[in-house]
Amino acid sequence: MQLNTYLSFNGDCRQALEFYLKTLGGKIHALMPFGDNPGCESLSAEEREKIMHGCYELDGFFLMGTDATSQYPYQGVNGAHVALTLGDADIARRVFEAFADGGNVQMPLQETFWAKAYGIVTDRFGVPWMINCVEHVGCVETDQAA
């Protein structure tokens, strides 16, 4: 099994995934416009240029997305964050600043009791991020883990 994140964008999926590639590294596997796929002939010329499916990979994890259309309007990303965990505070600061440029900072990047640096920012594409810099990258195991 694999657990991935799939986001909806307000017409800027291509720009968002290219920004993540530039900022974080990784690889873009797909940027498929609606117009290149069957069943999309009735979409307007503008909507045919939007991304039906985009796939960005970073270290074996996938962030995928699509652009909203008039049939499925953009509703934003609510009730969730994309969590990015790093092991280097300088890189965390660089990434946080890049995401904050044109975005909205909810919690400035700062040292916490669990992290060398932690902050919350919504990037210019409307995606909320938790930037977390810890000694050991990964989840902390507890006795309650299933």
C-alpha atoms as a PDB file:
ATOM      1  CA  MET A   1       0.000   0.000   0.000  1.00  0.00           C
ATOM      2  CA  GLN A   2       0.961   3.599  -0.432  1.00  0.00           C
ATOM      3  CA  LEU A   3      -0.498   6.727   1.151  1.00  0.00           C
ATOM      4  CA  ASN A   4      -0.261   9.927  -0.930  1.00  0.00           C
ATOM      5  CA  THR A   5      -1.599  13.472  -0.805  1.00  0.00           C
ATOM      6  CA  TYR A   6      -3.860  14.710  -3.623  1.00  0.00           C
ATOM      7  CA  LEU A   7      -4.626  18.440  -3.757  1.00  0.00           C
ATOM      8  CA  SER A   8      -7.036  20.626  -5.672  1.00  0.00           C
ATOM      9  CA  PHE A   9      -5.693  23.873  -7.142  1.00  0.00           C
ATOM     10  CA  ASN A  10      -7.400  27.008  -8.407  1.00  0.00           C
ATOM     11  CA  GLY A  11      -5.992  26.826 -11.945  1.00  0.00           C
ATOM     12  CA  ASP A  12      -2.327  26.896 -10.895  1.00  0.00           C
ATOM     13  CA  CYS A  13      -1.480  23.216 -10.379  1.00  0.00           C
ATOM     14  CA  ARG A  14       1.327  23.352 -12.969  1.00  0.00           C
ATOM     15  CA  GLN A  15       2.870  26.437 -11.341  1.00  0.00           C
ATOM     16  CA  ALA A  16       2.582  24.910  -7.856  1.00  0.00           C
ATOM     17  CA  LEU A  17       4.249  21.609  -8.749  1.00  0.00           C
ATOM     18  CA  GLU A  18       6.994  23.422 -10.668  1.00  0.00           C
ATOM     19  CA  PHE A  19       7.523  25.688  -7.627  1.00  0.00           C
ATOM     20  CA  TYR A  20       7.815  22.647  -5.325  1.00  0.00           C
ATOM     21  CA  LEU A  21      10.312  21.102  -7.728  1.00  0.00           C
ATOM     22  CA  LYS A  22      12.397  24.297  -7.785  1.00  0.00           C
ATOM     23  CA  THR A  23      12.200  24.785  -4.011  1.00  0.00           C
ATOM     24  CA  LEU A  24      12.542  21.207  -2.765  1.00  0.00           C
ATOM     25  CA  GLY A  25      14.111  19.226  -5.595  1.00  0.00           C
ATOM     26  CA  GLY A  26      12.518  15.927  -6.546  1.00  0.00           C
ATOM     27  CA  LYS A  27      10.876  15.072  -9.846  1.00  0.00           C
ATOM     28  CA  ILE A  28       7.659  15.824 -11.711  1.00  0.00           C
ATOM     29  CA  HIS A  29       6.251  12.637 -13.242  1.00  0.00           C
ATOM     30  CA  ALA A  30       3.101  14.033 -14.834  1.00  0.00           C
ATOM     31  CA  LEU A  31       1.404  17.293 -15.833  1.00  0.00           C
ATOM     32  CA  MET A  32      -1.543  16.087 -17.923  1.00  0.00           C
ATOM     33  CA  PRO A  33      -3.871  18.808 -19.267  1.00  0.00           C
ATOM     34  CA  PHE A  34      -7.587  18.022 -19.439  1.00  0.00           C
ATOM     35  CA  GLY A  35      -7.492  18.625 -23.194  1.00  0.00           C
ATOM     36  CA  ASP A  36      -5.128  15.681 -23.739  1.00  0.00           C
ATOM     37  CA  ASN A  37      -7.612  13.194 -22.315  1.00  0.00           C
ATOM     38  CA  PRO A  38     -10.787  11.577 -23.672  1.00  0.00           C
ATOM     39  CA  GLY A  39     -14.094  12.770 -22.256  1.00  0.00           C
ATOM     40  CA  CYS A  40     -12.913  16.364 -21.927  1.00  0.00           C
ATOM     41  CA  GLU A  41     -13.966  17.586 -25.364  1.00  0.00           C
ATOM     42  CA  SER A  42     -16.872  19.614 -23.958  1.00  0.00           C
ATOM     43  CA  LEU A  43     -14.623  21.716 -21.683  1.00  0.00           C
ATOM     44  CA  SER A  44     -13.892  25.291 -22.655  1.00  0.00           C
ATOM     45  CA  ALA A  45     -10.537  26.061 -24.294  1.00  0.00           C
ATOM     46  CA  GLU A  46      -9.360  27.616 -21.014  1.00  0.00           C
ATOM     47  CA  GLU A  47     -10.313  24.560 -18.955  1.00  0.00           C
ATOM     48  CA  ARG A  48      -8.735  22.167 -21.476  1.00  0.00           C
ATOM     49  CA  GLU A  49      -5.369  23.832 -20.633  1.00  0.00           C
ATOM     50  CA  LYS A  50      -5.792  23.175 -16.908  1.00  0.00           C
ATOM     51  CA  ILE A  51      -4.094  20.180 -15.287  1.00  0.00           C
ATOM     52  CA  MET A  52      -6.248  17.092 -14.913  1.00  0.00           C
ATOM     53  CA  HIS A  53      -3.511  15.184 -13.082  1.00  0.00           C
ATOM     54  CA  GLY A  54      -0.124  16.271 -11.829  1.00  0.00           C
ATOM     55  CA  CYS A  55       2.328  14.106  -9.944  1.00  0.00           C
ATOM     56  CA  TYR A  56       5.392  15.370  -8.058  1.00  0.00           C
ATOM     57  CA  GLU A  57       7.758  13.035  -6.189  1.00  0.00           C
ATOM     58  CA  LEU A  58      10.129  13.861  -3.357  1.00  0.00           C
ATOM     59  CA  ASP A  59      12.224  11.054  -1.879  1.00  0.00           C
ATOM     60  CA  GLY A  60       9.680   8.342  -2.689  1.00  0.00           C
ATOM     61  CA  PHE A  61       6.649  10.333  -1.483  1.00  0.00           C
ATOM     62  CA  PHE A  62       4.074  11.687  -3.928  1.00  0.00           C
ATOM     63  CA  LEU A  63       2.192  14.969  -3.931  1.00  0.00           C
ATOM     64  CA  MET A  64      -0.436  14.926  -6.640  1.00  0.00           C
ATOM     65  CA  GLY A  65      -2.913  17.505  -7.779  1.00  0.00           C
ATOM     66  CA  THR A  66      -5.554  18.698 -10.188  1.00  0.00           C
ATOM     67  CA  ASP A  67      -7.002  22.031 -11.223  1.00  0.00           C
ATOM     68  CA  ALA A  68     -10.583  22.824 -10.320  1.00  0.00           C
ATOM     69  CA  THR A  69     -13.061  23.281 -13.171  1.00  0.00           C
ATOM     70  CA  SER A  70     -16.463  24.958 -13.431  1.00  0.00           C
ATOM     71  CA  GLN A  71     -18.042  21.540 -12.898  1.00  0.00           C
ATOM     72  CA  TYR A  72     -15.937  20.962  -9.759  1.00  0.00           C
ATOM     73  CA  PRO A  73     -15.142  24.440  -8.376  1.00  0.00           C
ATOM     74  CA  TYR A  74     -12.152  25.176  -6.180  1.00  0.00           C
ATOM     75  CA  GLN A  75     -12.942  24.953  -2.478  1.00  0.00           C
ATOM     76  CA  GLY A  76      -9.471  25.435  -1.053  1.00  0.00           C
ATOM     77  CA  VAL A  77      -7.551  23.067   1.176  1.00  0.00           C
ATOM     78  CA  ASN A  78      -9.318  22.955   4.544  1.00  0.00           C
ATOM     79  CA  GLY A  79      -8.683  20.924   7.660  1.00  0.00           C
ATOM     80  CA  ALA A  80      -5.333  19.520   6.529  1.00  0.00           C
ATOM     81  CA  HIS A  81      -1.678  20.452   6.107  1.00  0.00           C
ATOM     82  CA  VAL A  82       1.110  18.958   4.057  1.00  0.00           C
ATOM     83  CA  ALA A  83       3.822  18.133   6.603  1.00  0.00           C
ATOM     84  CA  LEU A  84       7.418  18.520   5.441  1.00  0.00           C
ATOM     85  CA  THR A  85      10.060  17.166   7.805  1.00  0.00           C
ATOM     86  CA  LEU A  86      13.694  18.115   7.376  1.00  0.00           C
ATOM     87  CA  GLY A  87      16.869  17.468   9.338  1.00  0.00           C
ATOM     88  CA  ASP A  88      18.648  20.781   8.631  1.00  0.00           C
ATOM     89  CA  ALA A  89      17.445  24.063  10.166  1.00  0.00           C
ATOM     90  CA  ASP A  90      19.036  26.206   7.436  1.00  0.00           C
ATOM     91  CA  ILE A  91      17.204  24.276   4.729  1.00  0.00           C
ATOM     92  CA  ALA A  92      13.977  24.460   6.751  1.00  0.00           C
ATOM     93  CA  ARG A  93      14.398  28.252   6.973  1.00  0.00           C
ATOM     94  CA  ARG A  94      15.053  28.567   3.220  1.00  0.00           C
ATOM     95  CA  VAL A  95      11.999  26.433   2.379  1.00  0.00           C
ATOM     96  CA  PHE A  96       9.770  28.267   4.870  1.00  0.00           C
ATOM     97  CA  GLU A  97      10.797  31.650   3.463  1.00  0.00           C
ATOM     98  CA  ALA A  98      10.146  30.472  -0.105  1.00  0.00           C
ATOM     99  CA  PHE A  99       6.680  29.210   0.871  1.00  0.00           C
ATOM    100  CA  ALA A 100       5.939  32.423   2.808  1.00  0.00           C
ATOM    101  CA  ASP A 101       6.796  34.595  -0.223  1.00  0.00           C
ATOM    102  CA  GLY A 102       3.340  35.495  -1.526  1.00  0.00           C
ATOM    103  CA  GLY A 103       1.763  33.208   1.064  1.00  0.00           C
ATOM    104  CA  ASN A 104       0.451  33.572   4.596  1.00  0.00           C
ATOM    105  CA  VAL A 105       2.383  32.701   7.772  1.00  0.00           C
ATOM    106  CA  GLN A 106       0.206  31.254  10.552  1.00  0.00           C
ATOM    107  CA  MET A 107       3.137  30.430  12.886  1.00  0.00           C
ATOM    108  CA  PRO A 108       6.623  31.813  12.267  1.00  0.00           C
ATOM    109  CA  LEU A 109       9.439  29.285  11.987  1.00  0.00           C
ATOM    110  CA  GLN A 110      10.839  28.889  15.481  1.00  0.00           C
ATOM    111  CA  GLU A 111      12.440  26.469  17.881  1.00  0.00           C
ATOM    112  CA  THR A 112       9.971  24.368  19.883  1.00  0.00           C
ATOM    113  CA  PHE A 113      10.329  21.719  22.567  1.00  0.00           C
ATOM    114  CA  TRP A 114      10.186  18.996  19.872  1.00  0.00           C
ATOM    115  CA  ALA A 115      11.916  20.664  16.937  1.00  0.00           C
ATOM    116  CA  LYS A 116      14.957  22.697  16.015  1.00  0.00           C
ATOM    117  CA  ALA A 117      12.561  24.678  13.832  1.00  0.00           C
ATOM    118  CA  TYR A 118       8.799  24.468  13.278  1.00  0.00           C
ATOM    119  CA  GLY A 119       6.376  26.766  11.494  1.00  0.00           C
ATOM    120  CA  ILE A 120       3.062  26.805   9.662  1.00  0.00           C
ATOM    121  CA  VAL A 121       2.590  28.620   6.361  1.00  0.00           C
ATOM    122  CA  THR A 122       0.044  28.593   3.546  1.00  0.00           C
ATOM    123  CA  ASP A 123       1.882  29.022   0.266  1.00  0.00           C
ATOM    124  CA  ARG A 124       0.820  31.294  -2.605  1.00  0.00           C
ATOM    125  CA  PHE A 125      -1.130  28.371  -4.115  1.00  0.00           C
ATOM    126  CA  GLY A 126      -3.369  27.985  -1.061  1.00  0.00           C
ATOM    127  CA  VAL A 127      -1.643  24.867   0.291  1.00  0.00           C
ATOM    128  CA  PRO A 128      -1.109  24.828   4.077  1.00  0.00           C
ATOM    129  CA  TRP A 129       2.284  23.447   5.152  1.00  0.00           C
ATOM    130  CA  MET A 130       3.828  22.420   8.451  1.00  0.00           C
ATOM    131  CA  ILE A 131       7.590  22.773   8.200  1.00  0.00           C
ATOM    132  CA  ASN A 132       9.254  20.646  10.875  1.00  0.00           C
ATOM    133  CA  CYS A 133      13.000  20.329  11.449  1.00  0.00           C
ATOM    134  CA  VAL A 134      13.931  17.531  13.846  1.00  0.00           C
ATOM    135  CA  GLU A 135      17.008  15.469  14.699  1.00  0.00           C
ATOM    136  CA  HIS A 136      15.567  12.263  13.219  1.00  0.00           C
ATOM    137  CA  VAL A 137      13.315  12.564  10.167  1.00  0.00           C
ATOM    138  CA  GLY A 138      10.219  10.364  10.402  1.00  0.00           C
ATOM    139  CA  CYS A 139       7.344   9.693  12.775  1.00  0.00           C
ATOM    140  CA  VAL A 140       7.899   9.227  16.483  1.00  0.00           C
ATOM    141  CA  GLU A 141       6.796   5.770  17.585  1.00  0.00           C
ATOM    142  CA  THR A 142       4.487   5.454  20.587  1.00  0.00           C
ATOM    143  CA  ASP A 143       2.901   2.592  22.458  1.00  0.00           C
ATOM    144  CA  GLN A 144      -0.473   3.617  20.974  1.00  0.00           C
ATOM    145  CA  ALA A 145       0.637   2.959  17.380  1.00  0.00           C
ATOM    146  CA  ALA A 146      -1.561   0.342  15.715  1.00  0.00           C
END
